[in-house]
Amino acid sequence: MTGTFVKPLGRLFRGLLLMAVLSGLGACTTAELAIDMAKKYNKTQREDKDAQQPAPVVAQPHYKVGNPYQIAGIWYYPERDLRYDKTGIASWYGDQFAGKLTANGEIFDPELVSAAHKTLPMPSVVRVTNLDNGKSLVVRINDRGPYVSGRIIDMSRAGARLLGFKDEGIARVRVQVLTEQSLRLEQLAKQGQFPLLAEAAKAPVPETVAVSKPAVSLRAKTTRAAAQKPKSGSSAVELLASSRGLGVLETAPVETDIWVQIGAFHSETNAKNLLQTFDTLSPGSIFQISRDGRLLYRARLGPLNTVTEADQLLDKILQRGFDGAEIVVD
């Protein structure tokens, strides 16, 4: 009978048996007491084990822009920017966040195509183009990040693989908001129609109308149409599945230089003065563009030979308190 007792109670049982003999109690009574204590011990062990197991992650997806927030001393300002069109360095993230909630309440799966962005609404639909190899992919933003300085977007592992930079870890990219898809997905999300990525991955791709490939010129305006345009009235699942069904477009690679942009001004004098502030760190140039009928002067340091050099220069600028500085490719 003693062979059925749990190991931690062996000494206790022998002690109880000795006490029973000395006190005149029957061996049967002692055995029943030991068995009862063993059952209580096993029950406690099971309860402790259950208490140590983490609660299951429950998805609660929702539309989110969010308030300004601070990470590692740097402030970020989320906004609904339907004209967003920027270049920079992309990275990717994977298993360390698998199964955890994204910033808008979805469950992250590194083997599904998605991306994280510091400020764009969630969800937003963007086209990400790898300028190094010309591969272009439609992606949905559903998380915040990356918080490594000098990175513009964080792709899921699947997205990085499709864009051809999983092994390299980073790539020079252009990120463009797709206005019509983003507006439609926003509308559906606010109505409570918010597909999980896994659901959309299983959904059939709806019939679409083919249009021309988007331009990849760095000086072109934001592309409003994707490679295929979803029908109006598409459900949230159909809309995401349509984007997923586009696959990877193959376009011509674009030769670019790497710069650190330290500011943009409507006054050329202000831009030049800022460049002079950093002339001991790197030579620089002023880039003039027209936006909303007004001239804008971008102050940039460089060009830099490698992303590593750009990262090092950006860190020095951030240490001086210029939080708005960023790496761009042009």
Protein backbone atom coordinates (compact mmCIF):
# COMPACT_ATOMS: atom_id res chain seq x y z
CA MET A 1 0.00 0.00 0.00
CA THR A 2 2.83 2.41 0.79
CA GLY A 3 4.02 2.14 -2.82
CA THR A 4 0.99 4.16 -3.95
CA PHE A 5 1.89 7.25 -1.92
CA VAL A 6 3.55 10.28 -3.56
CA LYS A 7 7.25 10.59 -2.82
CA PRO A 8 7.12 13.80 -0.73
CA LEU A 9 4.77 12.07 1.73
CA GLY A 10 6.91 8.95 2.29
CA ARG A 11 8.65 10.22 5.41
CA LEU A 12 5.40 11.68 6.73
CA PHE A 13 3.63 8.34 6.33
CA ARG A 14 6.37 6.44 8.16
CA GLY A 15 6.17 8.98 10.96
CA LEU A 16 2.41 8.63 11.19
CA LEU A 17 2.68 4.84 11.22
CA LEU A 18 5.16 4.95 14.10
CA MET A 19 2.91 7.33 16.01
CA ALA A 20 -0.04 5.01 15.43
CA VAL A 21 1.83 2.02 16.83
CA LEU A 22 2.98 3.99 19.85
CA SER A 23 -0.44 5.46 20.51
CA GLY A 24 -2.37 2.29 19.89
CA LEU A 25 -4.12 3.52 16.76
CA GLY A 26 -4.92 0.99 14.07
CA ALA A 27 -2.72 0.82 10.96
CA CYS A 28 -5.80 1.15 8.79
CA THR A 29 -6.69 4.50 10.37
CA THR A 30 -3.16 5.77 9.78
CA ALA A 31 -3.20 4.63 6.16
CA GLU A 32 -6.51 6.41 5.55
CA LEU A 33 -5.08 9.60 7.02
CA ALA A 34 -1.99 9.39 4.80
CA ILE A 35 -4.09 8.73 1.69
CA ASP A 36 -6.28 11.71 2.48
CA MET A 37 -3.23 13.94 2.87
CA ALA A 38 -1.77 12.62 -0.39
CA LYS A 39 -4.98 13.49 -2.24
CA LYS A 40 -4.94 17.00 -0.81
CA TYR A 41 -1.29 17.39 -1.80
CA ASN A 42 -1.96 16.28 -5.39
CA LYS A 43 -4.93 18.64 -5.62
CA THR A 44 -2.79 21.54 -4.43
CA GLN A 45 -0.10 20.68 -6.99
CA ARG A 46 -2.67 20.67 -9.81
CA GLU A 47 -4.10 24.00 -8.69
CA ASP A 48 -0.61 25.54 -8.52
CA LYS A 49 0.18 24.24 -12.01
CA ASP A 50 -3.07 25.67 -13.40
CA ALA A 51 -2.35 29.01 -11.74
CA GLN A 52 1.09 29.16 -13.38
CA GLN A 53 -0.28 28.63 -16.89
CA PRO A 54 -0.83 31.95 -18.72
CA ALA A 55 -4.36 32.91 -19.61
CA PRO A 56 -5.24 32.29 -23.27
CA VAL A 57 -4.75 35.30 -25.55
CA VAL A 58 -8.08 36.56 -26.84
CA ALA A 59 -8.15 38.74 -29.95
CA GLN A 60 -10.07 42.02 -29.65
CA PRO A 61 -9.37 43.79 -32.96
CA HIS A 62 -10.40 47.42 -33.28
CA TYR A 63 -9.68 50.51 -35.36
CA LYS A 64 -7.01 52.67 -33.76
CA VAL A 65 -5.04 55.80 -34.48
CA GLY A 66 -3.94 56.56 -30.94
CA ASN A 67 -2.52 59.46 -28.96
CA PRO A 68 1.07 60.74 -29.04
CA TYR A 69 3.36 58.37 -27.15
CA GLN A 70 6.97 58.17 -26.05
CA ILE A 71 9.37 55.25 -26.46
CA ALA A 72 12.99 55.42 -25.27
CA GLY A 73 12.78 59.19 -24.95
CA ILE A 74 11.43 59.78 -28.47
CA TRP A 75 7.90 61.07 -29.11
CA TYR A 76 5.72 59.66 -31.88
CA TYR A 77 2.56 61.30 -33.22
CA PRO A 78 0.04 58.91 -34.81
CA GLU A 79 -2.13 60.46 -37.50
CA ARG A 80 -4.52 59.58 -40.29
CA ASP A 81 -2.32 60.45 -43.27
CA LEU A 82 -3.90 59.30 -46.53
CA ARG A 83 -1.06 60.86 -48.55
CA TYR A 84 1.72 59.06 -46.71
CA ASP A 85 4.54 58.27 -49.14
CA LYS A 86 8.03 57.86 -47.71
CA THR A 87 11.25 55.98 -48.23
CA GLY A 88 13.51 54.47 -45.63
CA ILE A 89 14.87 51.24 -44.18
CA ALA A 90 12.57 48.28 -43.46
CA SER A 91 13.20 45.54 -40.91
CA TRP A 92 11.17 42.48 -39.84
CA TYR A 93 10.03 40.73 -36.66
CA GLY A 94 8.94 37.17 -35.94
CA ASP A 95 8.82 34.47 -33.29
CA GLN A 96 9.52 36.68 -30.27
CA PHE A 97 6.07 38.23 -30.73
CA ALA A 98 4.20 35.19 -32.08
CA GLY A 99 0.87 34.64 -30.35
CA LYS A 100 0.91 38.05 -28.67
CA LEU A 101 -1.57 40.86 -29.25
CA THR A 102 -0.76 43.53 -31.78
CA ALA A 103 -1.34 47.20 -30.97
CA ASN A 104 -4.88 47.03 -32.37
CA GLY A 105 -5.84 43.79 -30.64
CA GLU A 106 -5.10 41.10 -33.22
CA ILE A 107 -2.97 38.03 -32.55
CA PHE A 108 0.38 38.28 -34.32
CA ASP A 109 1.37 35.41 -36.59
CA PRO A 110 4.81 35.82 -38.22
CA GLU A 111 3.78 33.51 -41.07
CA LEU A 112 0.98 35.85 -42.19
CA VAL A 113 1.66 39.04 -44.15
CA SER A 114 1.31 42.12 -41.94
CA ALA A 115 3.41 45.06 -40.78
CA ALA A 116 4.01 47.48 -37.92
CA HIS A 117 4.29 51.25 -38.32
CA LYS A 118 4.92 53.97 -35.76
CA THR A 119 2.15 56.40 -36.72
CA LEU A 120 -0.26 55.17 -39.42
CA PRO A 121 -3.81 54.12 -38.42
CA MET A 122 -4.52 50.47 -37.78
CA PRO A 123 -5.68 49.09 -40.10
CA SER A 124 -4.13 50.91 -43.05
CA VAL A 125 -3.30 49.35 -46.40
CA VAL A 126 0.11 50.21 -47.82
CA ARG A 127 2.26 49.17 -50.73
CA VAL A 128 5.81 48.31 -49.70
CA THR A 129 8.38 48.25 -52.49
CA ASN A 130 11.86 46.84 -51.97
CA LEU A 131 13.93 49.33 -53.96
CA ASP A 132 16.94 47.00 -53.93
CA ASN A 133 15.24 44.26 -55.97
CA GLY A 134 12.01 45.83 -57.27
CA LYS A 135 9.65 43.46 -55.42
CA SER A 136 6.42 45.14 -54.33
CA LEU A 137 3.72 43.88 -51.96
CA VAL A 138 0.40 45.15 -50.57
CA VAL A 139 0.42 44.93 -46.77
CA ARG A 140 -1.95 45.79 -43.94
CA ILE A 141 -0.68 47.75 -40.92
CA ASN A 142 -1.92 46.23 -37.66
CA ASP A 143 0.82 46.95 -35.12
CA ARG A 144 3.13 49.66 -33.77
CA GLY A 145 6.89 49.78 -34.32
CA PRO A 146 9.70 49.41 -35.16
CA TYR A 147 11.41 51.27 -32.33
CA VAL A 148 14.94 50.86 -33.62
CA SER A 149 16.00 54.31 -34.77
CA GLY A 150 16.25 54.67 -38.52
CA ARG A 151 13.61 52.06 -39.44
CA ILE A 152 10.45 53.07 -41.27
CA ILE A 153 8.41 49.83 -41.15
CA ASP A 154 8.60 46.39 -39.51
CA MET A 155 7.38 43.57 -41.74
CA SER A 156 6.24 40.19 -40.51
CA ARG A 157 8.63 37.37 -41.36
CA ALA A 158 6.34 36.24 -44.19
CA GLY A 159 6.27 39.76 -45.62
CA ALA A 160 10.06 40.07 -45.46
CA ARG A 161 10.42 36.71 -47.19
CA LEU A 162 8.11 37.73 -50.03
CA LEU A 163 9.93 41.03 -50.44
CA GLY A 164 13.25 39.21 -50.56
CA PHE A 165 15.07 40.59 -47.52
CA LYS A 166 14.43 38.01 -44.79
CA ASP A 167 18.05 36.81 -44.78
CA GLU A 168 19.55 40.29 -45.03
CA GLY A 169 17.32 41.60 -42.22
CA ILE A 170 16.85 45.08 -43.71
CA ALA A 171 16.06 46.66 -47.07
CA ARG A 172 15.66 50.07 -48.68
CA VAL A 173 11.94 50.51 -49.25
CA ARG A 174 9.22 52.87 -50.29
CA VAL A 175 5.98 52.82 -48.25
CA GLN A 176 2.83 54.26 -49.85
CA VAL A 177 -0.65 54.40 -48.34
CA LEU A 178 -3.28 52.98 -50.71
CA THR A 179 -6.02 55.50 -50.10
CA GLU A 180 -9.13 53.70 -51.36
CA GLN A 181 -8.33 50.41 -49.65
CA SER A 182 -7.42 52.15 -46.40
CA LEU A 183 -10.63 54.19 -46.34
CA ARG A 184 -12.76 51.13 -47.04
CA LEU A 185 -11.05 49.04 -44.38
CA GLU A 186 -11.39 51.91 -41.89
CA GLN A 187 -15.11 52.17 -42.60
CA LEU A 188 -15.66 48.44 -42.16
CA ALA A 189 -13.57 48.31 -38.98
CA LYS A 190 -15.60 51.11 -37.41
CA GLN A 191 -18.73 49.07 -38.19
CA GLY A 192 -17.29 46.11 -36.31
CA GLN A 193 -16.34 44.18 -39.45
CA PHE A 194 -12.75 43.49 -38.63
CA PRO A 195 -11.25 40.29 -40.06
CA LEU A 196 -8.49 38.42 -38.32
CA LEU A 197 -5.50 37.78 -40.53
CA ALA A 198 -6.00 34.03 -40.30
CA GLU A 199 -9.61 34.35 -41.50
CA ALA A 200 -8.58 36.48 -44.45
CA ALA A 201 -5.84 34.04 -45.38
CA LYS A 202 -8.48 31.32 -45.83
CA ALA A 203 -10.98 33.50 -47.66
CA PRO A 204 -11.32 33.11 -51.45
CA VAL A 205 -9.92 35.94 -53.52
CA PRO A 206 -12.85 37.90 -55.04
CA GLU A 207 -13.05 38.81 -58.69
CA THR A 208 -11.05 41.96 -59.36
CA VAL A 209 -10.46 44.44 -62.13
CA ALA A 210 -6.88 44.59 -63.34
CA VAL A 211 -5.21 47.95 -63.76
CA SER A 212 -1.66 48.94 -64.63
CA LYS A 213 1.25 48.36 -62.27
CA PRO A 214 1.99 51.23 -59.89
CA ALA A 215 4.93 53.47 -60.66
CA VAL A 216 7.94 53.05 -58.40
CA SER A 217 9.60 56.38 -59.15
CA LEU A 218 10.76 57.97 -55.91
CA ARG A 219 9.46 61.29 -57.14
CA ALA A 220 5.99 60.08 -58.07
CA LYS A 221 2.97 60.97 -55.96
CA THR A 222 1.22 58.39 -53.80
CA THR A 223 -0.37 55.65 -55.89
CA ARG A 224 -4.11 55.55 -55.25
CA ALA A 225 -4.80 52.30 -57.09
CA ALA A 226 -3.32 48.94 -56.25
CA ALA A 227 -2.34 46.47 -58.94
CA GLN A 228 -5.89 45.16 -58.70
CA LYS A 229 -8.78 47.24 -57.48
CA PRO A 230 -11.36 45.56 -55.22
CA LYS A 231 -15.02 45.91 -56.05
CA SER A 232 -16.93 48.52 -54.09
CA GLY A 233 -18.87 47.00 -51.22
CA SER A 234 -16.33 44.25 -50.59
CA SER A 235 -16.45 42.83 -47.09
CA ALA A 236 -13.53 43.31 -44.74
CA VAL A 237 -12.40 39.71 -45.26
CA GLU A 238 -12.71 40.03 -49.05
CA LEU A 239 -10.82 43.31 -49.05
CA LEU A 240 -7.89 41.88 -47.14
CA ALA A 241 -7.95 38.66 -49.14
CA SER A 242 -7.93 40.74 -52.32
CA SER A 243 -4.82 42.55 -51.15
CA ARG A 244 -3.23 39.26 -50.16
CA GLY A 245 -4.12 37.72 -53.50
CA LEU A 246 -2.16 40.34 -55.39
CA GLY A 247 1.07 38.54 -54.61
CA VAL A 248 4.42 40.14 -55.33
CA LEU A 249 4.83 42.51 -58.24
CA GLU A 250 8.19 42.48 -59.99
CA THR A 251 9.35 45.98 -60.91
CA ALA A 252 12.73 47.41 -61.84
CA PRO A 253 15.16 47.99 -58.94
CA VAL A 254 15.87 51.64 -58.15
CA GLU A 255 19.34 53.02 -57.45
CA THR A 256 19.22 55.21 -54.36
CA ASP A 257 21.45 57.13 -51.99
CA ILE A 258 21.14 56.99 -48.21
CA TRP A 259 20.58 60.26 -46.33
CA VAL A 260 19.71 61.39 -42.84
CA GLN A 261 17.01 64.04 -43.07
CA ILE A 262 17.23 66.43 -40.13
CA GLY A 263 14.40 68.83 -40.97
CA ALA A 264 12.04 70.30 -43.56
CA PHE A 265 11.17 74.00 -43.76
CA HIS A 266 9.25 76.46 -45.89
CA SER A 267 12.21 78.80 -45.42
CA GLU A 268 15.39 77.95 -47.30
CA THR A 269 17.37 80.06 -44.84
CA ASN A 270 16.19 77.96 -41.91
CA ALA A 271 17.15 74.77 -43.74
CA LYS A 272 20.65 76.10 -44.47
CA ASN A 273 21.13 77.25 -40.88
CA LEU A 274 20.23 73.79 -39.61
CA LEU A 275 22.72 72.16 -41.97
CA GLN A 276 25.46 74.40 -40.62
CA THR A 277 24.66 73.16 -37.12
CA PHE A 278 25.75 69.67 -38.16
CA ASP A 279 28.52 70.48 -40.64
CA THR A 280 31.10 68.91 -38.32
CA LEU A 281 29.30 65.56 -38.53
CA SER A 282 28.70 65.27 -42.26
CA PRO A 283 28.34 67.30 -45.44
CA GLY A 284 24.75 67.98 -46.44
CA SER A 285 22.41 69.23 -49.13
CA ILE A 286 19.09 71.05 -49.48
CA PHE A 287 16.34 69.29 -51.47
CA GLN A 288 13.55 71.51 -52.77
CA ILE A 289 10.07 70.11 -53.46
CA SER A 290 6.61 71.58 -53.94
CA ARG A 291 3.79 70.52 -51.61
CA ASP A 292 0.28 71.96 -51.59
CA GLY A 293 1.46 74.84 -53.76
CA ARG A 294 4.29 75.81 -51.40
CA LEU A 295 8.01 75.17 -51.60
CA LEU A 296 9.49 72.88 -48.96
CA TYR A 297 13.22 72.70 -48.25
CA ARG A 298 14.52 69.43 -46.85
CA ALA A 299 17.84 69.52 -45.01
CA ARG A 300 19.73 66.24 -45.37
CA LEU A 301 23.15 64.95 -44.35
CA GLY A 302 24.99 62.59 -46.65
CA PRO A 303 24.92 60.69 -48.85
CA LEU A 304 26.15 57.79 -46.70
CA ASN A 305 27.79 54.66 -48.05
CA THR A 306 26.00 52.10 -45.88
CA VAL A 307 23.00 51.74 -43.60
CA THR A 308 25.43 51.22 -40.71
CA GLU A 309 26.97 54.64 -41.34
CA ALA A 310 23.50 56.17 -41.53
CA ASP A 311 22.51 54.51 -38.24
CA GLN A 312 25.60 55.88 -36.51
CA LEU A 313 25.03 59.40 -37.83
CA LEU A 314 21.34 59.29 -36.88
CA ASP A 315 22.19 58.24 -33.32
CA LYS A 316 24.50 61.25 -32.93
CA ILE A 317 21.76 63.58 -34.18
CA LEU A 318 19.13 62.06 -31.89
CA GLN A 319 21.48 62.50 -28.94
CA ARG A 320 21.40 66.23 -29.66
CA GLY A 321 17.63 66.24 -29.25
CA PHE A 322 16.50 66.27 -32.88
CA ASP A 323 13.80 63.60 -32.55
CA GLY A 324 12.40 64.26 -36.02
CA ALA A 325 15.55 63.13 -37.81
CA GLU A 326 15.12 60.04 -39.97
CA ILE A 327 16.92 57.91 -42.54
CA VAL A 328 15.61 58.31 -46.09
CA VAL A 329 16.65 56.88 -49.43
CA ASP A 330 16.42 58.91 -52.61
